[in-house]
């Protein structure tokens, strides 16, 4: 689990996709809270806002990469995650059994 989390190659299971959102969102929230607290609670103004924006880039990359790999598990291109509310479908849809053009089944079946 969590092999190459920033890579857009391969396939992942629903569990890893869901945990990616939970862990990534929680980590970003804690980071933003610490930066906000360190600047005296000035709600992201000035340099603190810049630090939070810079930290948001790797978070987005991580979430997009995990989403693309989950799309690959369903046999779709990673671009499908741009469809509104498709992320919810990625949480509940079962992946393709066996290998597909994106790699082997992460369940090993």
N, C-alpha and C. Protein backbone atom coordinates (compact mmCIF):
# COMPACT_ATOMS: atom_id res chain seq x y z
N UNK A 1 0.85 -1.18 0.00
CA UNK A 1 0.00 0.00 0.00
C UNK A 1 0.89 1.24 0.00
N UNK A 2 0.47 2.23 -0.69
CA UNK A 2 1.16 3.51 -0.83
C UNK A 2 2.54 3.36 -1.45
N UNK A 3 2.64 2.54 -2.49
CA UNK A 3 3.87 2.47 -3.27
C UNK A 3 3.80 3.58 -4.31
N UNK A 4 4.81 4.38 -4.38
CA UNK A 4 4.88 5.51 -5.32
C UNK A 4 3.63 6.37 -5.25
N UNK A 5 3.35 7.01 -4.13
CA UNK A 5 2.09 7.76 -3.99
C UNK A 5 1.98 8.98 -4.90
N UNK A 6 3.08 9.47 -5.44
CA UNK A 6 3.03 10.65 -6.30
C UNK A 6 3.11 10.28 -7.78
N UNK A 7 3.12 8.99 -8.08
CA UNK A 7 3.20 8.51 -9.46
C UNK A 7 1.79 8.35 -10.04
N UNK A 8 1.66 8.59 -11.33
CA UNK A 8 0.38 8.43 -12.02
C UNK A 8 0.28 7.06 -12.71
N UNK A 9 1.22 6.17 -12.45
CA UNK A 9 1.27 4.87 -13.10
C UNK A 9 0.71 3.80 -12.18
N UNK A 10 0.01 2.84 -12.74
CA UNK A 10 -0.45 1.68 -12.00
C UNK A 10 -1.90 1.77 -11.55
N UNK A 11 -2.23 0.89 -10.62
CA UNK A 11 -3.60 0.76 -10.12
C UNK A 11 -3.58 0.68 -8.60
N UNK A 12 -4.64 1.17 -7.95
CA UNK A 12 -4.78 1.03 -6.51
C UNK A 12 -6.20 0.60 -6.17
N UNK A 13 -6.36 0.07 -4.97
CA UNK A 13 -7.66 -0.40 -4.49
C UNK A 13 -8.45 0.75 -3.88
N UNK A 14 -9.72 0.47 -3.61
CA UNK A 14 -10.60 1.47 -2.98
C UNK A 14 -10.08 1.90 -1.62
N UNK A 15 -9.57 0.97 -0.86
CA UNK A 15 -9.08 1.27 0.48
C UNK A 15 -7.96 2.30 0.44
N UNK A 16 -7.00 2.09 -0.43
CA UNK A 16 -5.88 3.03 -0.54
C UNK A 16 -6.36 4.39 -1.02
N UNK A 17 -7.31 4.40 -1.94
CA UNK A 17 -7.85 5.67 -2.43
C UNK A 17 -8.55 6.44 -1.31
N UNK A 18 -9.38 5.75 -0.55
CA UNK A 18 -10.08 6.40 0.56
C UNK A 18 -9.12 6.89 1.63
N UNK A 19 -8.16 6.04 2.00
CA UNK A 19 -7.17 6.44 2.99
C UNK A 19 -6.32 7.61 2.52
N UNK A 20 -6.07 7.67 1.22
CA UNK A 20 -5.30 8.79 0.67
C UNK A 20 -6.02 10.11 0.93
N UNK A 21 -7.31 10.13 0.71
CA UNK A 21 -8.08 11.35 0.95
C UNK A 21 -8.13 11.70 2.43
N UNK A 22 -8.32 10.71 3.28
CA UNK A 22 -8.40 10.96 4.71
C UNK A 22 -7.06 11.45 5.25
N UNK A 23 -6.00 10.72 4.97
CA UNK A 23 -4.68 11.07 5.49
C UNK A 23 -4.18 12.38 4.89
N UNK A 24 -4.32 12.53 3.57
CA UNK A 24 -3.87 13.76 2.91
C UNK A 24 -4.62 14.99 3.40
N UNK A 25 -5.93 14.88 3.50
CA UNK A 25 -6.73 16.01 3.98
C UNK A 25 -6.42 16.37 5.42
N UNK A 26 -6.26 15.35 6.27
CA UNK A 26 -5.93 15.58 7.67
C UNK A 26 -4.56 16.23 7.81
N UNK A 27 -3.57 15.72 7.06
CA UNK A 27 -2.22 16.28 7.13
C UNK A 27 -2.20 17.73 6.66
N UNK A 28 -2.92 18.03 5.57
CA UNK A 28 -2.95 19.40 5.09
C UNK A 28 -3.66 20.31 6.08
N UNK A 29 -4.74 19.84 6.69
CA UNK A 29 -5.46 20.63 7.69
C UNK A 29 -4.57 20.95 8.88
N UNK A 30 -3.84 19.94 9.37
CA UNK A 30 -2.93 20.16 10.51
C UNK A 30 -1.84 21.15 10.13
N UNK A 31 -1.26 21.00 8.94
CA UNK A 31 -0.22 21.92 8.48
C UNK A 31 -0.75 23.35 8.40
N UNK A 32 -1.92 23.52 7.81
CA UNK A 32 -2.51 24.86 7.69
C UNK A 32 -2.83 25.44 9.07
N UNK A 33 -3.29 24.59 9.98
CA UNK A 33 -3.59 25.05 11.34
C UNK A 33 -2.32 25.53 12.04
N UNK A 34 -1.24 24.77 11.91
CA UNK A 34 0.03 25.14 12.53
C UNK A 34 0.54 26.46 11.96
N UNK A 35 0.47 26.62 10.65
CA UNK A 35 0.92 27.88 10.03
C UNK A 35 0.05 29.03 10.49
N UNK A 36 -1.25 28.82 10.55
CA UNK A 36 -2.15 29.88 11.01
C UNK A 36 -1.87 30.24 12.46
N UNK A 37 -1.63 29.23 13.30
CA UNK A 37 -1.33 29.47 14.71
C UNK A 37 0.00 30.21 14.86
N UNK A 38 0.99 29.82 14.06
CA UNK A 38 2.32 30.44 14.14
C UNK A 38 2.30 31.91 13.72
N UNK A 39 1.36 32.28 12.87
CA UNK A 39 1.27 33.68 12.42
C UNK A 39 0.28 34.49 13.24
N UNK A 40 -0.17 33.95 14.35
CA UNK A 40 -1.08 34.68 15.21
C UNK A 40 -2.52 34.66 14.76
N UNK A 41 -2.91 33.70 13.95
CA UNK A 41 -4.30 33.54 13.54
C UNK A 41 -4.77 34.54 12.51
N UNK A 42 -3.85 35.12 11.74
CA UNK A 42 -4.24 36.10 10.72
C UNK A 42 -4.72 35.41 9.45
N UNK A 43 -5.49 34.39 9.58
CA UNK A 43 -6.21 33.71 8.49
C UNK A 43 -5.50 33.71 7.14
N UNK A 44 -4.28 33.24 7.10
CA UNK A 44 -3.59 33.03 5.83
C UNK A 44 -3.13 34.31 5.15
N UNK A 45 -2.95 35.37 5.86
CA UNK A 45 -2.51 36.61 5.23
C UNK A 45 -1.01 36.64 5.04
N UNK A 46 -0.55 37.36 4.05
CA UNK A 46 0.87 37.58 3.81
C UNK A 46 1.64 36.32 3.51
N UNK A 47 2.79 36.17 4.20
CA UNK A 47 3.69 35.05 3.95
C UNK A 47 3.04 33.71 4.32
N UNK A 48 2.19 33.70 5.35
CA UNK A 48 1.55 32.45 5.75
C UNK A 48 0.67 31.90 4.64
N UNK A 49 -0.04 32.80 3.96
CA UNK A 49 -0.87 32.36 2.83
C UNK A 49 -0.03 31.77 1.73
N UNK A 50 1.13 32.35 1.48
CA UNK A 50 2.04 31.82 0.46
C UNK A 50 2.56 30.45 0.82
N UNK A 51 2.89 30.24 2.10
CA UNK A 51 3.37 28.94 2.56
C UNK A 51 2.28 27.89 2.39
N UNK A 52 1.06 28.25 2.73
CA UNK A 52 -0.05 27.30 2.61
C UNK A 52 -0.30 26.96 1.14
N UNK A 53 -0.23 27.94 0.26
CA UNK A 53 -0.43 27.69 -1.18
C UNK A 53 0.67 26.78 -1.71
N UNK A 54 1.91 27.03 -1.29
CA UNK A 54 3.03 26.18 -1.73
C UNK A 54 2.84 24.76 -1.21
N UNK A 55 2.33 24.59 0.00
CA UNK A 55 2.09 23.26 0.55
C UNK A 55 0.91 22.58 -0.14
N UNK A 56 0.00 23.35 -0.70
CA UNK A 56 -1.18 22.79 -1.36
C UNK A 56 -0.81 22.08 -2.66
N UNK A 57 0.26 22.50 -3.31
CA UNK A 57 0.67 21.91 -4.59
C UNK A 57 1.01 20.42 -4.44
N UNK A 58 1.88 20.02 -3.49
CA UNK A 58 2.13 18.57 -3.36
C UNK A 58 0.89 17.79 -2.92
N UNK A 59 0.04 18.42 -2.12
CA UNK A 59 -1.20 17.76 -1.70
C UNK A 59 -2.07 17.47 -2.92
N UNK A 60 -2.24 18.46 -3.79
CA UNK A 60 -3.04 18.25 -5.00
C UNK A 60 -2.42 17.18 -5.90
N UNK A 61 -1.10 17.22 -6.05
CA UNK A 61 -0.40 16.24 -6.88
C UNK A 61 -0.68 14.83 -6.34
N UNK A 62 -0.58 14.68 -5.02
CA UNK A 62 -0.82 13.39 -4.37
C UNK A 62 -2.25 12.91 -4.63
N UNK A 63 -3.23 13.78 -4.44
CA UNK A 63 -4.64 13.41 -4.62
C UNK A 63 -4.93 13.09 -6.09
N UNK A 64 -4.40 13.89 -7.00
CA UNK A 64 -4.62 13.62 -8.44
C UNK A 64 -3.96 12.30 -8.85
N UNK A 65 -2.76 12.04 -8.35
CA UNK A 65 -2.06 10.80 -8.69
C UNK A 65 -2.84 9.59 -8.18
N UNK A 66 -3.31 9.65 -6.95
CA UNK A 66 -4.07 8.55 -6.39
C UNK A 66 -5.39 8.37 -7.14
N UNK A 67 -6.03 9.47 -7.50
CA UNK A 67 -7.27 9.40 -8.28
C UNK A 67 -7.05 8.78 -9.65
N UNK A 68 -5.94 9.14 -10.29
CA UNK A 68 -5.64 8.57 -11.61
C UNK A 68 -5.42 7.07 -11.51
N UNK A 69 -4.70 6.64 -10.47
CA UNK A 69 -4.47 5.20 -10.31
C UNK A 69 -5.76 4.46 -10.00
N UNK A 70 -6.66 5.10 -9.27
CA UNK A 70 -7.97 4.47 -8.99
C UNK A 70 -8.79 4.38 -10.28
N UNK A 71 -8.73 5.42 -11.11
CA UNK A 71 -9.40 5.37 -12.43
C UNK A 71 -8.83 4.22 -13.25
N UNK A 72 -7.50 4.03 -13.19
CA UNK A 72 -6.87 2.95 -13.93
C UNK A 72 -7.38 1.60 -13.45
N UNK A 73 -7.68 1.47 -12.16
CA UNK A 73 -8.19 0.21 -11.64
C UNK A 73 -9.55 -0.13 -12.23
N UNK A 74 -10.30 0.90 -12.62
CA UNK A 74 -11.60 0.68 -13.25
C UNK A 74 -11.48 0.55 -14.77
N UNK A 75 -10.25 0.69 -15.29
CA UNK A 75 -10.03 0.57 -16.73
C UNK A 75 -10.22 1.87 -17.49
N UNK A 76 -10.24 3.00 -16.78
CA UNK A 76 -10.44 4.30 -17.40
C UNK A 76 -9.17 5.14 -17.33
N UNK A 77 -9.12 6.15 -18.16
CA UNK A 77 -8.04 7.12 -18.11
C UNK A 77 -8.15 7.94 -16.83
N UNK A 78 -7.03 8.46 -16.36
CA UNK A 78 -7.04 9.30 -15.18
C UNK A 78 -7.83 10.58 -15.34
N UNK A 79 -8.05 10.98 -16.58
CA UNK A 79 -8.82 12.21 -16.84
C UNK A 79 -10.28 12.06 -16.41
N UNK A 80 -10.76 10.87 -16.24
CA UNK A 80 -12.15 10.66 -15.82
C UNK A 80 -12.43 11.26 -14.46
N UNK A 81 -11.41 11.43 -13.63
CA UNK A 81 -11.63 11.98 -12.30
C UNK A 81 -12.05 13.45 -12.34
N UNK A 82 -11.97 14.08 -13.50
CA UNK A 82 -12.43 15.46 -13.64
C UNK A 82 -13.95 15.56 -13.77
N UNK A 83 -14.61 14.44 -13.97
CA UNK A 83 -16.07 14.43 -14.04
C UNK A 83 -16.62 14.72 -12.64
N UNK A 84 -17.54 15.69 -12.52
CA UNK A 84 -18.07 16.02 -11.19
C UNK A 84 -18.66 14.79 -10.49
N UNK A 85 -18.34 14.64 -9.24
CA UNK A 85 -18.79 13.57 -8.35
C UNK A 85 -18.29 12.18 -8.73
N UNK A 86 -17.39 12.09 -9.70
CA UNK A 86 -16.83 10.79 -10.08
C UNK A 86 -15.98 10.21 -8.96
N UNK A 87 -15.43 11.08 -8.11
CA UNK A 87 -14.64 10.62 -6.98
C UNK A 87 -15.43 9.73 -6.04
N UNK A 88 -16.72 10.01 -5.89
CA UNK A 88 -17.57 9.15 -5.07
C UNK A 88 -17.72 7.77 -5.71
N UNK A 89 -17.84 7.74 -7.02
CA UNK A 89 -17.93 6.47 -7.73
C UNK A 89 -16.63 5.68 -7.53
N UNK A 90 -15.51 6.37 -7.51
CA UNK A 90 -14.23 5.70 -7.32
C UNK A 90 -14.15 5.04 -5.94
N UNK A 91 -14.84 5.58 -4.97
CA UNK A 91 -14.84 5.00 -3.63
C UNK A 91 -15.63 3.70 -3.54
N UNK A 92 -16.63 3.55 -4.38
CA UNK A 92 -17.55 2.42 -4.22
C UNK A 92 -17.49 1.38 -5.34
N UNK A 93 -16.99 1.73 -6.51
CA UNK A 93 -16.96 0.80 -7.64
C UNK A 93 -15.85 -0.23 -7.47
N UNK A 94 -16.15 -1.44 -7.82
CA UNK A 94 -15.16 -2.51 -7.77
C UNK A 94 -14.28 -2.42 -9.01
N UNK A 95 -12.99 -2.65 -8.85
CA UNK A 95 -12.05 -2.58 -9.96
C UNK A 95 -12.20 -3.76 -10.91
N UNK A 96 -11.56 -3.63 -12.06
CA UNK A 96 -11.58 -4.72 -13.04
C UNK A 96 -10.78 -5.90 -12.51
N UNK A 97 -11.30 -7.09 -12.71
CA UNK A 97 -10.55 -8.27 -12.30
C UNK A 97 -9.47 -8.56 -13.34
N UNK A 98 -8.41 -9.13 -12.89
CA UNK A 98 -7.31 -9.45 -13.78
C UNK A 98 -6.52 -8.22 -14.18
N UNK A 99 -5.65 -8.40 -15.15
CA UNK A 99 -4.82 -7.30 -15.63
C UNK A 99 -5.59 -6.47 -16.65
N UNK A 100 -5.23 -5.21 -16.74
CA UNK A 100 -5.73 -4.37 -17.82
C UNK A 100 -4.55 -3.58 -18.37
N UNK A 101 -4.81 -2.62 -19.24
CA UNK A 101 -3.71 -1.91 -19.89
C UNK A 101 -2.88 -1.07 -18.93
N UNK A 102 -3.36 -0.87 -17.70
CA UNK A 102 -2.66 -0.04 -16.72
C UNK A 102 -1.85 -0.86 -15.71
N UNK A 103 -1.99 -2.16 -15.74
CA UNK A 103 -1.21 -3.01 -14.84
C UNK A 103 -2.00 -4.17 -14.28
N UNK A 104 -1.36 -4.84 -13.35
CA UNK A 104 -1.98 -6.00 -12.70
C UNK A 104 -3.00 -5.55 -11.66
N UNK A 105 -3.94 -6.43 -11.37
CA UNK A 105 -4.96 -6.17 -10.36
C UNK A 105 -4.29 -6.02 -8.99
N UNK A 106 -4.55 -4.92 -8.28
CA UNK A 106 -3.93 -4.75 -6.96
C UNK A 106 -4.43 -5.75 -5.92
N UNK A 107 -5.59 -6.38 -6.18
CA UNK A 107 -6.08 -7.41 -5.27
C UNK A 107 -5.35 -8.73 -5.47
N UNK A 108 -4.66 -8.84 -6.61
CA UNK A 108 -3.94 -10.07 -6.90
C UNK A 108 -4.81 -11.18 -7.44
N UNK A 109 -6.02 -10.81 -7.90
CA UNK A 109 -6.96 -11.81 -8.41
C UNK A 109 -6.99 -11.77 -9.92
